[in-house]
């Protein structure tokens, strides 16, 4: 559970930093949508998730044994936890772009 809390805390920290970066880049783009998209995608591709992804990888590997998850004979995999799979997906550029699209919102007149 400690590792899950660390994953959640690091994920929230990344979201806050990305929100700040998105807003700053939008401000500096002066409405140039193509420039913003190009720069935002480049930033997303280069964002460093190494620490949180290491935690996620360790969680995915060790959590079933640590939590003594039972096997589901129907799926031949571990049982769901609160109705959800225990596995976490690593964070990457796609994760960023789902939350912070590479598009400036239309400016109202």
N, C-alpha and C. Protein backbone atom coordinates (compact mmCIF):
# COMPACT_ATOMS: atom_id res chain seq x y z
N UNK A 1 0.81 -1.20 0.00
CA UNK A 1 0.00 0.00 0.00
C UNK A 1 0.86 1.27 0.00
N UNK A 2 2.01 1.20 0.63
CA UNK A 2 2.90 2.36 0.64
C UNK A 2 3.32 2.70 -0.79
N UNK A 3 3.66 1.66 -1.55
CA UNK A 3 4.09 1.89 -2.93
C UNK A 3 2.95 2.50 -3.76
N UNK A 4 1.73 2.03 -3.54
CA UNK A 4 0.58 2.61 -4.27
C UNK A 4 0.40 4.08 -3.92
N UNK A 5 0.57 4.43 -2.65
CA UNK A 5 0.46 5.84 -2.26
C UNK A 5 1.57 6.66 -2.92
N UNK A 6 2.77 6.09 -3.00
CA UNK A 6 3.88 6.79 -3.67
C UNK A 6 3.58 6.98 -5.16
N UNK A 7 3.04 5.95 -5.79
CA UNK A 7 2.67 6.06 -7.21
C UNK A 7 1.64 7.17 -7.39
N UNK A 8 0.61 7.17 -6.55
CA UNK A 8 -0.43 8.20 -6.66
C UNK A 8 0.12 9.60 -6.41
N UNK A 9 0.99 9.73 -5.40
CA UNK A 9 1.58 11.05 -5.10
C UNK A 9 2.46 11.52 -6.25
N UNK A 10 3.29 10.64 -6.79
CA UNK A 10 4.15 11.05 -7.91
C UNK A 10 3.33 11.37 -9.15
N UNK A 11 2.27 10.61 -9.37
CA UNK A 11 1.41 10.88 -10.52
C UNK A 11 0.76 12.26 -10.39
N UNK A 12 0.27 12.58 -9.20
CA UNK A 12 -0.33 13.91 -8.98
C UNK A 12 0.71 15.01 -9.17
N UNK A 13 1.94 14.77 -8.70
CA UNK A 13 3.00 15.77 -8.88
C UNK A 13 3.29 15.98 -10.36
N UNK A 14 3.32 14.91 -11.13
CA UNK A 14 3.53 15.05 -12.58
C UNK A 14 2.38 15.82 -13.21
N UNK A 15 1.15 15.51 -12.81
CA UNK A 15 0.00 16.23 -13.36
C UNK A 15 0.08 17.72 -13.06
N UNK A 16 0.47 18.08 -11.85
CA UNK A 16 0.58 19.50 -11.50
C UNK A 16 1.69 20.17 -12.31
N UNK A 17 2.83 19.52 -12.44
CA UNK A 17 3.93 20.08 -13.22
C UNK A 17 3.57 20.20 -14.69
N UNK A 18 2.87 19.21 -15.20
CA UNK A 18 2.45 19.24 -16.61
C UNK A 18 1.41 20.32 -16.85
N UNK A 19 0.50 20.51 -15.92
CA UNK A 19 -0.49 21.58 -16.06
C UNK A 19 0.21 22.93 -16.12
N UNK A 20 1.17 23.13 -15.23
CA UNK A 20 1.93 24.38 -15.24
C UNK A 20 2.68 24.54 -16.56
N UNK A 21 3.34 23.49 -17.03
CA UNK A 21 4.09 23.55 -18.29
C UNK A 21 3.15 23.82 -19.47
N UNK A 22 1.97 23.18 -19.47
CA UNK A 22 1.00 23.38 -20.56
C UNK A 22 0.56 24.84 -20.60
N UNK A 23 0.19 25.37 -19.44
CA UNK A 23 -0.28 26.76 -19.39
C UNK A 23 0.82 27.74 -19.79
N UNK A 24 2.04 27.49 -19.33
CA UNK A 24 3.16 28.37 -19.68
C UNK A 24 3.46 28.32 -21.17
N UNK A 25 3.47 27.13 -21.74
CA UNK A 25 3.72 27.01 -23.17
C UNK A 25 2.59 27.64 -23.98
N UNK A 26 1.36 27.48 -23.53
CA UNK A 26 0.23 28.12 -24.22
C UNK A 26 0.39 29.64 -24.20
N UNK A 27 0.79 30.17 -23.06
CA UNK A 27 0.98 31.63 -22.94
C UNK A 27 2.08 32.10 -23.88
N UNK A 28 3.18 31.36 -23.94
CA UNK A 28 4.32 31.78 -24.76
C UNK A 28 4.09 31.55 -26.25
N UNK A 29 3.08 30.77 -26.61
CA UNK A 29 2.83 30.47 -28.02
C UNK A 29 2.08 31.59 -28.74
N UNK A 30 1.58 32.56 -28.00
CA UNK A 30 0.89 33.72 -28.58
C UNK A 30 -0.17 33.32 -29.60
N UNK A 31 -0.91 32.26 -29.30
CA UNK A 31 -1.99 31.84 -30.19
C UNK A 31 -1.56 31.05 -31.41
N UNK A 32 -0.27 30.83 -31.59
CA UNK A 32 0.21 30.05 -32.74
C UNK A 32 0.00 28.57 -32.43
N UNK A 33 -1.09 28.02 -32.96
CA UNK A 33 -1.49 26.64 -32.64
C UNK A 33 -0.48 25.62 -33.14
N UNK A 34 0.06 25.79 -34.31
CA UNK A 34 1.02 24.83 -34.85
C UNK A 34 2.28 24.79 -33.99
N UNK A 35 2.76 25.96 -33.60
CA UNK A 35 3.95 26.02 -32.76
C UNK A 35 3.69 25.35 -31.41
N UNK A 36 2.53 25.67 -30.82
CA UNK A 36 2.18 25.07 -29.54
C UNK A 36 2.13 23.54 -29.65
N UNK A 37 1.44 23.04 -30.66
CA UNK A 37 1.31 21.59 -30.82
C UNK A 37 2.67 20.93 -30.98
N UNK A 38 3.50 21.48 -31.82
CA UNK A 38 4.84 20.92 -32.06
C UNK A 38 5.65 20.90 -30.77
N UNK A 39 5.65 22.01 -30.07
CA UNK A 39 6.44 22.09 -28.83
C UNK A 39 5.87 21.21 -27.72
N UNK A 40 4.54 21.16 -27.61
CA UNK A 40 3.94 20.35 -26.56
C UNK A 40 4.20 18.86 -26.79
N UNK A 41 4.07 18.43 -28.04
CA UNK A 41 4.35 17.01 -28.33
C UNK A 41 5.82 16.68 -28.06
N UNK A 42 6.71 17.58 -28.38
CA UNK A 42 8.14 17.37 -28.10
C UNK A 42 8.38 17.27 -26.59
N UNK A 43 7.75 18.16 -25.84
CA UNK A 43 7.88 18.11 -24.39
C UNK A 43 7.31 16.79 -23.84
N UNK A 44 6.16 16.37 -24.33
CA UNK A 44 5.54 15.12 -23.88
C UNK A 44 6.44 13.92 -24.17
N UNK A 45 7.06 13.91 -25.34
CA UNK A 45 7.95 12.81 -25.70
C UNK A 45 9.19 12.75 -24.81
N UNK A 46 9.61 13.88 -24.28
CA UNK A 46 10.83 13.95 -23.49
C UNK A 46 10.59 13.94 -21.98
N UNK A 47 9.34 13.98 -21.55
CA UNK A 47 9.05 14.05 -20.12
C UNK A 47 9.58 12.80 -19.41
N UNK A 48 10.20 13.00 -18.27
CA UNK A 48 10.85 11.90 -17.56
C UNK A 48 9.92 11.31 -16.49
N UNK A 49 9.47 10.10 -16.74
CA UNK A 49 8.64 9.36 -15.80
C UNK A 49 9.40 8.20 -15.16
N UNK A 50 10.72 8.23 -15.22
CA UNK A 50 11.52 7.09 -14.80
C UNK A 50 11.20 6.62 -13.37
N UNK A 51 11.15 7.53 -12.42
CA UNK A 51 10.94 7.14 -11.02
C UNK A 51 9.57 6.52 -10.80
N UNK A 52 8.52 7.17 -11.29
CA UNK A 52 7.18 6.63 -11.07
C UNK A 52 6.99 5.34 -11.87
N UNK A 53 7.55 5.25 -13.06
CA UNK A 53 7.41 4.03 -13.84
C UNK A 53 8.16 2.87 -13.19
N UNK A 54 9.26 3.15 -12.50
CA UNK A 54 9.95 2.11 -11.75
C UNK A 54 9.05 1.60 -10.63
N UNK A 55 8.39 2.51 -9.93
CA UNK A 55 7.45 2.10 -8.87
C UNK A 55 6.30 1.27 -9.46
N UNK A 56 5.79 1.69 -10.60
CA UNK A 56 4.69 0.97 -11.25
C UNK A 56 5.15 -0.43 -11.64
N UNK A 57 6.35 -0.54 -12.19
CA UNK A 57 6.87 -1.85 -12.61
C UNK A 57 7.02 -2.76 -11.39
N UNK A 58 7.54 -2.24 -10.29
CA UNK A 58 7.69 -3.04 -9.07
C UNK A 58 6.32 -3.43 -8.50
N UNK A 59 5.38 -2.49 -8.55
CA UNK A 59 4.02 -2.80 -8.09
C UNK A 59 3.44 -3.95 -8.91
N UNK A 60 3.52 -3.86 -10.22
CA UNK A 60 2.95 -4.89 -11.08
C UNK A 60 3.60 -6.25 -10.84
N UNK A 61 4.88 -6.25 -10.53
CA UNK A 61 5.60 -7.50 -10.33
C UNK A 61 5.31 -8.11 -8.94
N UNK A 62 5.29 -7.29 -7.90
CA UNK A 62 5.25 -7.83 -6.55
C UNK A 62 3.89 -7.77 -5.84
N UNK A 63 2.99 -6.89 -6.27
CA UNK A 63 1.74 -6.70 -5.55
C UNK A 63 0.92 -7.97 -5.37
N UNK A 64 0.77 -8.81 -6.40
CA UNK A 64 -0.06 -10.01 -6.19
C UNK A 64 0.43 -10.89 -5.04
N UNK A 65 1.73 -11.09 -4.94
CA UNK A 65 2.27 -11.91 -3.85
C UNK A 65 2.17 -11.18 -2.52
N UNK A 66 2.49 -9.89 -2.51
CA UNK A 66 2.45 -9.12 -1.26
C UNK A 66 1.03 -9.07 -0.70
N UNK A 67 0.05 -8.91 -1.58
CA UNK A 67 -1.34 -8.80 -1.14
C UNK A 67 -2.02 -10.16 -1.06
N UNK A 68 -1.30 -11.20 -1.46
CA UNK A 68 -1.84 -12.56 -1.48
C UNK A 68 -3.15 -12.61 -2.26
N UNK A 69 -3.09 -12.03 -3.44
CA UNK A 69 -4.28 -12.02 -4.29
C UNK A 69 -4.62 -13.44 -4.72
N UNK A 70 -5.88 -13.79 -4.63
CA UNK A 70 -6.28 -15.12 -5.12
C UNK A 70 -6.32 -15.14 -6.65
N UNK A 71 -6.22 -16.32 -7.19
CA UNK A 71 -6.33 -16.48 -8.64
C UNK A 71 -7.80 -16.61 -9.01
N UNK A 72 -8.14 -16.08 -10.17
CA UNK A 72 -9.48 -16.24 -10.72
C UNK A 72 -9.40 -17.40 -11.71
N UNK A 73 -10.00 -18.55 -11.40
CA UNK A 73 -9.87 -19.71 -12.28
C UNK A 73 -10.45 -19.48 -13.67
N UNK A 74 -11.42 -18.57 -13.76
CA UNK A 74 -12.03 -18.29 -15.06
C UNK A 74 -11.06 -17.60 -16.00
N UNK A 75 -10.32 -16.59 -15.48
CA UNK A 75 -9.41 -15.82 -16.33
C UNK A 75 -7.98 -16.32 -16.25
N UNK A 76 -7.69 -17.20 -15.25
CA UNK A 76 -6.34 -17.70 -15.00
C UNK A 76 -5.37 -16.55 -14.71
N UNK A 77 -5.91 -15.53 -14.08
CA UNK A 77 -5.12 -14.37 -13.66
C UNK A 77 -5.54 -14.06 -12.23
N UNK A 78 -4.86 -13.10 -11.64
CA UNK A 78 -5.20 -12.73 -10.28
C UNK A 78 -6.57 -12.06 -10.24
N UNK A 79 -7.23 -12.19 -9.11
CA UNK A 79 -8.55 -11.60 -8.92
C UNK A 79 -8.46 -10.08 -9.00
N UNK A 80 -9.58 -9.47 -9.32
CA UNK A 80 -9.66 -8.02 -9.38
C UNK A 80 -9.61 -7.44 -7.97
N UNK A 81 -9.13 -6.23 -7.86
CA UNK A 81 -9.08 -5.52 -6.59
C UNK A 81 -10.10 -4.39 -6.67
N UNK A 82 -11.14 -4.49 -5.86
CA UNK A 82 -12.24 -3.52 -5.91
C UNK A 82 -12.81 -3.39 -7.32
N UNK A 83 -12.88 -4.52 -8.01
CA UNK A 83 -13.45 -4.55 -9.35
C UNK A 83 -12.51 -4.09 -10.46
N UNK A 84 -11.27 -3.79 -10.12
CA UNK A 84 -10.30 -3.29 -11.10
C UNK A 84 -9.08 -4.19 -11.14
N UNK A 85 -8.41 -4.29 -12.31
CA UNK A 85 -7.15 -5.03 -12.35
C UNK A 85 -6.12 -4.35 -11.45
N UNK A 86 -5.25 -5.13 -10.85
CA UNK A 86 -4.24 -4.56 -9.95
C UNK A 86 -3.12 -3.87 -10.73
N UNK A 87 -2.93 -4.24 -11.98
CA UNK A 87 -1.83 -3.70 -12.77
C UNK A 87 -2.04 -2.22 -13.07
N UNK A 88 -0.96 -1.48 -13.00
CA UNK A 88 -0.95 -0.06 -13.39
C UNK A 88 -0.19 0.07 -14.70
N UNK A 89 -0.66 0.96 -15.54
CA UNK A 89 0.02 1.21 -16.80
C UNK A 89 1.11 2.25 -16.59
N UNK A 90 2.27 2.06 -17.22
CA UNK A 90 3.32 3.08 -17.11
C UNK A 90 2.86 4.40 -17.71
N UNK A 91 3.41 5.48 -17.22
CA UNK A 91 3.09 6.81 -17.73
C UNK A 91 4.01 7.10 -18.91
N UNK A 92 3.45 7.76 -19.93
CA UNK A 92 4.22 8.06 -21.13
C UNK A 92 3.61 9.26 -21.84
N UNK A 93 4.09 9.55 -23.02
CA UNK A 93 3.60 10.72 -23.77
C UNK A 93 2.11 10.60 -24.06
N UNK A 94 1.65 9.40 -24.37
CA UNK A 94 0.21 9.21 -24.64
C UNK A 94 -0.61 9.59 -23.40
N UNK A 95 -0.13 9.20 -22.23
CA UNK A 95 -0.80 9.54 -20.97
C UNK A 95 -0.90 11.06 -20.82
N UNK A 96 0.19 11.75 -21.14
CA UNK A 96 0.20 13.22 -21.05
C UNK A 96 -0.83 13.81 -22.00
N UNK A 97 -0.80 13.37 -23.26
CA UNK A 97 -1.67 13.96 -24.29
C UNK A 97 -3.15 13.66 -24.05
N UNK A 98 -3.46 12.58 -23.33
CA UNK A 98 -4.85 12.32 -22.96
C UNK A 98 -5.35 13.35 -21.96
N UNK A 99 -4.48 13.80 -21.09
CA UNK A 99 -4.86 14.75 -20.04
C UNK A 99 -4.68 16.20 -20.45
N UNK A 100 -3.66 16.44 -21.24
CA UNK A 100 -3.33 17.80 -21.69
C UNK A 100 -3.12 17.75 -23.20
N UNK A 101 -4.17 17.93 -23.97
CA UNK A 101 -4.08 17.81 -25.43
C UNK A 101 -3.10 18.82 -26.04
N UNK A 102 -2.57 18.43 -27.17
CA UNK A 102 -1.62 19.28 -27.90
C UNK A 102 -2.38 20.25 -28.79
N UNK A 103 -3.37 20.90 -28.22
CA UNK A 103 -4.18 21.85 -28.98
C UNK A 103 -4.55 23.01 -28.08
N UNK A 104 -4.36 24.19 -28.60
CA UNK A 104 -4.81 25.37 -27.86
C UNK A 104 -6.31 25.49 -27.97
N UNK A 105 -6.98 25.84 -26.88
CA UNK A 105 -8.43 26.06 -26.99
C UNK A 105 -8.70 27.30 -27.84
N UNK A 106 -9.85 27.29 -28.49
CA UNK A 106 -10.23 28.46 -29.29
C UNK A 106 -10.41 29.67 -28.38
N UNK A 107 -9.83 30.77 -28.79
CA UNK A 107 -9.93 31.99 -28.00
C UNK A 107 -11.25 32.70 -28.31
N UNK A 108 -11.94 33.11 -27.27
CA UNK A 108 -13.21 33.82 -27.49
C UNK A 108 -12.90 35.28 -27.80
N UNK A 109 -13.75 35.85 -28.57
CA UNK A 109 -13.54 37.23 -29.01
C UNK A 109 -13.92 38.23 -27.97
